[in-house]
Amino acid sequence: MKISRDSDTIEIDGPPRFDYGQKVRSRMVIRNDGTFPGKEIGDVLVNKGDVGYVASIGTFLQQFYIYGVDFYESGHMVGMKSRELELAEK
């Protein structure tokens, strides 16, 4: 498995790409990396194309915004980077 490094990106120098309550769509499959309780490592949490709403905005490593997205159909609240999301409605 290839690990994606974003070490040159300092996303928090600007405003968040998404705002609270915005409807977003996952651009990729998201698997449990061990931080989601009640699921095995590697279990699929979000499929590409799943729709959810931004419920929280935090930061990670003083570098990235992390969006807590409520994927209401699956019942999962998943932390995602902006590159993993797109607006569901323009």
N, C-alpha and C. Protein backbone atom coordinates (compact mmCIF):
# COMPACT_ATOMS: atom_id res chain seq x y z
N MET A 1 0.85 -1.17 0.00
CA MET A 1 0.00 0.00 0.00
C MET A 1 0.90 1.24 0.00
N LYS A 2 0.63 2.15 -0.91
CA LYS A 2 1.40 3.39 -1.01
C LYS A 2 0.85 4.42 -0.03
N ILE A 3 1.74 5.10 0.68
CA ILE A 3 1.33 6.15 1.60
C ILE A 3 1.52 7.49 0.90
N SER A 4 0.47 8.28 0.88
CA SER A 4 0.51 9.60 0.25
C SER A 4 1.05 10.61 1.25
N ARG A 5 2.10 11.32 0.87
CA ARG A 5 2.68 12.35 1.71
C ARG A 5 2.32 13.72 1.16
N ASP A 6 1.85 14.60 2.03
CA ASP A 6 1.48 15.96 1.65
C ASP A 6 2.33 16.96 2.41
N SER A 7 3.58 16.64 2.67
CA SER A 7 4.40 17.44 3.58
C SER A 7 4.65 18.87 3.09
N ASP A 8 4.54 19.14 1.80
CA ASP A 8 4.78 20.49 1.29
C ASP A 8 3.54 21.37 1.37
N THR A 9 2.41 20.81 1.66
CA THR A 9 1.15 21.55 1.70
C THR A 9 0.88 22.08 3.10
N ILE A 10 0.64 23.40 3.22
CA ILE A 10 0.22 24.00 4.48
C ILE A 10 -1.16 24.61 4.24
N GLU A 11 -2.15 23.76 4.31
CA GLU A 11 -3.51 24.14 3.98
C GLU A 11 -4.10 25.18 4.93
N ILE A 12 -3.71 25.14 6.21
CA ILE A 12 -4.33 26.02 7.19
C ILE A 12 -3.84 27.47 7.08
N ASP A 13 -2.95 27.77 6.16
CA ASP A 13 -2.57 29.17 5.90
C ASP A 13 -3.73 29.95 5.29
N GLY A 14 -4.70 29.25 4.72
CA GLY A 14 -5.87 29.88 4.12
C GLY A 14 -7.13 29.43 4.82
N PRO A 15 -8.27 29.91 4.37
CA PRO A 15 -9.55 29.51 4.98
C PRO A 15 -9.90 28.07 4.60
N PRO A 16 -10.77 27.42 5.38
CA PRO A 16 -11.22 26.07 5.02
C PRO A 16 -11.91 26.07 3.66
N ARG A 17 -11.75 24.99 2.94
CA ARG A 17 -12.38 24.84 1.62
C ARG A 17 -13.89 24.63 1.73
N PHE A 18 -14.31 23.95 2.80
CA PHE A 18 -15.72 23.65 3.02
C PHE A 18 -16.17 24.30 4.31
N ASP A 19 -17.48 24.52 4.44
CA ASP A 19 -18.04 25.17 5.62
C ASP A 19 -19.01 24.23 6.32
N TYR A 20 -19.33 24.55 7.57
CA TYR A 20 -20.28 23.74 8.34
C TYR A 20 -21.60 23.61 7.59
N GLY A 21 -22.12 22.39 7.57
CA GLY A 21 -23.42 22.14 6.96
C GLY A 21 -23.40 21.94 5.47
N GLN A 22 -22.25 22.14 4.82
CA GLN A 22 -22.22 21.94 3.37
C GLN A 22 -22.36 20.46 3.02
N LYS A 23 -23.08 20.22 1.94
CA LYS A 23 -23.28 18.86 1.44
C LYS A 23 -22.08 18.51 0.57
N VAL A 24 -21.39 17.43 0.92
CA VAL A 24 -20.18 17.02 0.21
C VAL A 24 -20.28 15.57 -0.23
N ARG A 25 -19.42 15.22 -1.17
CA ARG A 25 -19.37 13.85 -1.72
C ARG A 25 -17.94 13.34 -1.61
N SER A 26 -17.80 12.08 -1.25
CA SER A 26 -16.49 11.46 -1.16
C SER A 26 -15.92 11.21 -2.55
N ARG A 27 -14.68 11.60 -2.75
CA ARG A 27 -14.01 11.38 -4.04
C ARG A 27 -13.32 10.02 -4.10
N MET A 28 -13.28 9.30 -2.95
CA MET A 28 -12.59 8.01 -2.91
C MET A 28 -13.16 7.12 -1.82
N VAL A 29 -12.77 5.88 -1.84
CA VAL A 29 -13.14 4.93 -0.80
C VAL A 29 -12.28 5.23 0.43
N ILE A 30 -12.90 5.28 1.59
CA ILE A 30 -12.18 5.53 2.85
C ILE A 30 -12.31 4.29 3.73
N ARG A 31 -11.16 3.79 4.14
CA ARG A 31 -11.12 2.59 4.99
C ARG A 31 -10.68 2.97 6.40
N ASN A 32 -11.06 2.14 7.35
CA ASN A 32 -10.67 2.37 8.74
C ASN A 32 -9.16 2.19 8.90
N ASP A 33 -8.51 3.23 9.41
CA ASP A 33 -7.07 3.16 9.65
C ASP A 33 -6.77 2.77 11.10
N GLY A 34 -7.80 2.37 11.82
CA GLY A 34 -7.65 1.97 13.21
C GLY A 34 -8.20 3.00 14.17
N THR A 35 -8.65 4.13 13.66
CA THR A 35 -9.15 5.20 14.53
C THR A 35 -10.68 5.21 14.64
N PHE A 36 -11.36 4.38 13.88
CA PHE A 36 -12.82 4.33 13.94
C PHE A 36 -13.23 3.16 14.83
N PRO A 37 -13.87 3.45 15.97
CA PRO A 37 -14.23 2.38 16.91
C PRO A 37 -15.32 1.46 16.36
N GLY A 38 -15.19 0.19 16.70
CA GLY A 38 -16.21 -0.78 16.35
C GLY A 38 -16.06 -1.39 14.96
N LYS A 39 -15.03 -0.99 14.23
CA LYS A 39 -14.77 -1.54 12.90
C LYS A 39 -13.34 -2.07 12.86
N GLU A 40 -13.13 -3.07 12.06
CA GLU A 40 -11.78 -3.63 11.89
C GLU A 40 -10.94 -2.71 11.01
N ILE A 41 -9.64 -2.75 11.20
CA ILE A 41 -8.73 -2.01 10.33
C ILE A 41 -8.92 -2.52 8.91
N GLY A 42 -9.09 -1.60 7.98
CA GLY A 42 -9.29 -1.96 6.58
C GLY A 42 -10.75 -2.01 6.15
N ASP A 43 -11.68 -2.03 7.11
CA ASP A 43 -13.10 -2.02 6.75
C ASP A 43 -13.45 -0.73 6.02
N VAL A 44 -14.30 -0.84 5.03
CA VAL A 44 -14.74 0.35 4.28
C VAL A 44 -15.73 1.13 5.14
N LEU A 45 -15.44 2.43 5.32
CA LEU A 45 -16.32 3.33 6.06
C LEU A 45 -17.16 4.18 5.11
N VAL A 46 -16.53 4.59 4.00
CA VAL A 46 -17.18 5.48 3.04
C VAL A 46 -16.82 5.00 1.64
N ASN A 47 -17.81 4.89 0.78
CA ASN A 47 -17.56 4.54 -0.62
C ASN A 47 -17.45 5.79 -1.46
N LYS A 48 -16.76 5.68 -2.57
CA LYS A 48 -16.67 6.79 -3.51
C LYS A 48 -18.09 7.17 -3.94
N GLY A 49 -18.39 8.46 -3.85
CA GLY A 49 -19.72 8.94 -4.24
C GLY A 49 -20.69 9.09 -3.09
N ASP A 50 -20.36 8.56 -1.91
CA ASP A 50 -21.25 8.72 -0.76
C ASP A 50 -21.38 10.20 -0.41
N VAL A 51 -22.58 10.59 0.02
CA VAL A 51 -22.88 11.99 0.33
C VAL A 51 -23.05 12.16 1.83
N GLY A 52 -22.50 13.27 2.34
CA GLY A 52 -22.65 13.60 3.75
C GLY A 52 -22.61 15.10 3.95
N TYR A 53 -22.63 15.51 5.21
CA TYR A 53 -22.63 16.93 5.56
C TYR A 53 -21.47 17.23 6.50
N VAL A 54 -20.80 18.37 6.28
CA VAL A 54 -19.70 18.78 7.14
C VAL A 54 -20.28 19.15 8.51
N ALA A 55 -19.85 18.41 9.53
CA ALA A 55 -20.36 18.62 10.88
C ALA A 55 -19.33 19.29 11.78
N SER A 56 -18.04 19.19 11.43
CA SER A 56 -17.00 19.82 12.22
C SER A 56 -15.79 20.11 11.33
N ILE A 57 -14.98 21.06 11.78
CA ILE A 57 -13.75 21.41 11.06
C ILE A 57 -12.65 21.53 12.11
N GLY A 58 -11.62 20.73 11.95
CA GLY A 58 -10.47 20.76 12.85
C GLY A 58 -9.20 20.84 12.04
N THR A 59 -8.08 20.66 12.71
CA THR A 59 -6.79 20.66 12.02
C THR A 59 -6.00 19.42 12.42
N PHE A 60 -5.02 19.10 11.61
CA PHE A 60 -4.15 17.95 11.84
C PHE A 60 -2.73 18.36 11.53
N LEU A 61 -1.83 18.11 12.47
CA LEU A 61 -0.40 18.40 12.32
C LEU A 61 -0.11 19.87 11.99
N GLN A 62 -0.97 20.76 12.42
CA GLN A 62 -0.83 22.20 12.13
C GLN A 62 -0.59 22.43 10.65
N GLN A 63 -1.22 21.61 9.84
CA GLN A 63 -0.97 21.62 8.40
C GLN A 63 -2.24 21.50 7.56
N PHE A 64 -3.15 20.64 7.97
CA PHE A 64 -4.33 20.33 7.17
C PHE A 64 -5.61 20.63 7.94
N TYR A 65 -6.66 20.96 7.20
CA TYR A 65 -8.00 20.95 7.77
C TYR A 65 -8.51 19.52 7.68
N ILE A 66 -9.18 19.11 8.74
CA ILE A 66 -9.85 17.81 8.75
C ILE A 66 -11.33 18.09 8.95
N TYR A 67 -12.12 17.60 8.04
CA TYR A 67 -13.57 17.82 8.05
C TYR A 67 -14.24 16.58 8.62
N GLY A 68 -14.98 16.76 9.70
CA GLY A 68 -15.79 15.68 10.25
C GLY A 68 -17.07 15.64 9.43
N VAL A 69 -17.22 14.60 8.63
CA VAL A 69 -18.35 14.51 7.72
C VAL A 69 -19.32 13.44 8.22
N ASP A 70 -20.57 13.84 8.36
CA ASP A 70 -21.63 12.93 8.79
C ASP A 70 -22.23 12.27 7.55
N PHE A 71 -21.87 11.01 7.35
CA PHE A 71 -22.45 10.23 6.26
C PHE A 71 -23.69 9.56 6.85
N TYR A 72 -24.80 10.28 6.78
CA TYR A 72 -26.03 9.92 7.48
C TYR A 72 -26.60 8.57 7.06
N GLU A 73 -26.44 8.18 5.81
CA GLU A 73 -27.03 6.90 5.36
C GLU A 73 -26.34 5.70 6.01
N SER A 74 -25.01 5.80 6.19
CA SER A 74 -24.28 4.69 6.82
C SER A 74 -24.16 4.86 8.32
N GLY A 75 -24.45 6.07 8.82
CA GLY A 75 -24.33 6.33 10.25
C GLY A 75 -22.91 6.58 10.70
N HIS A 76 -22.00 6.83 9.77
CA HIS A 76 -20.60 7.06 10.11
C HIS A 76 -20.26 8.54 10.09
N MET A 77 -19.52 8.98 11.10
CA MET A 77 -18.93 10.32 11.12
C MET A 77 -17.44 10.09 10.90
N VAL A 78 -16.92 10.59 9.78
CA VAL A 78 -15.55 10.28 9.37
C VAL A 78 -14.77 11.57 9.15
N GLY A 79 -13.54 11.60 9.65
CA GLY A 79 -12.64 12.73 9.42
C GLY A 79 -11.96 12.58 8.07
N MET A 80 -12.05 13.64 7.24
CA MET A 80 -11.50 13.57 5.88
C MET A 80 -10.76 14.86 5.53
N LYS A 81 -9.76 14.72 4.67
CA LYS A 81 -9.03 15.88 4.14
C LYS A 81 -9.82 16.46 2.97
N SER A 82 -9.52 17.71 2.65
CA SER A 82 -10.26 18.38 1.56
C SER A 82 -10.05 17.68 0.23
N ARG A 83 -8.88 17.10 -0.01
CA ARG A 83 -8.63 16.44 -1.30
C ARG A 83 -9.46 15.17 -1.47
N GLU A 84 -10.05 14.69 -0.38
CA GLU A 84 -10.89 13.50 -0.42
C GLU A 84 -12.37 13.84 -0.65
N LEU A 85 -12.68 15.15 -0.71
CA LEU A 85 -14.07 15.60 -0.81
C LEU A 85 -14.28 16.54 -1.96
N GLU A 86 -15.55 16.64 -2.37
CA GLU A 86 -15.98 17.65 -3.35
C GLU A 86 -17.39 18.07 -2.96
N LEU A 87 -17.78 19.27 -3.40
CA LEU A 87 -19.14 19.73 -3.13
C LEU A 87 -20.13 18.81 -3.85
N ALA A 88 -21.20 18.46 -3.17
CA ALA A 88 -22.22 17.60 -3.78
C ALA A 88 -23.18 18.43 -4.63
N GLU A 89 -23.32 19.70 -4.27
CA GLU A 89 -24.20 20.59 -5.02
C GLU A 89 -23.46 21.89 -5.27
N LYS A 90 -23.56 22.38 -6.48
CA LYS A 90 -22.87 23.62 -6.83
C LYS A 90 -23.78 24.80 -6.58
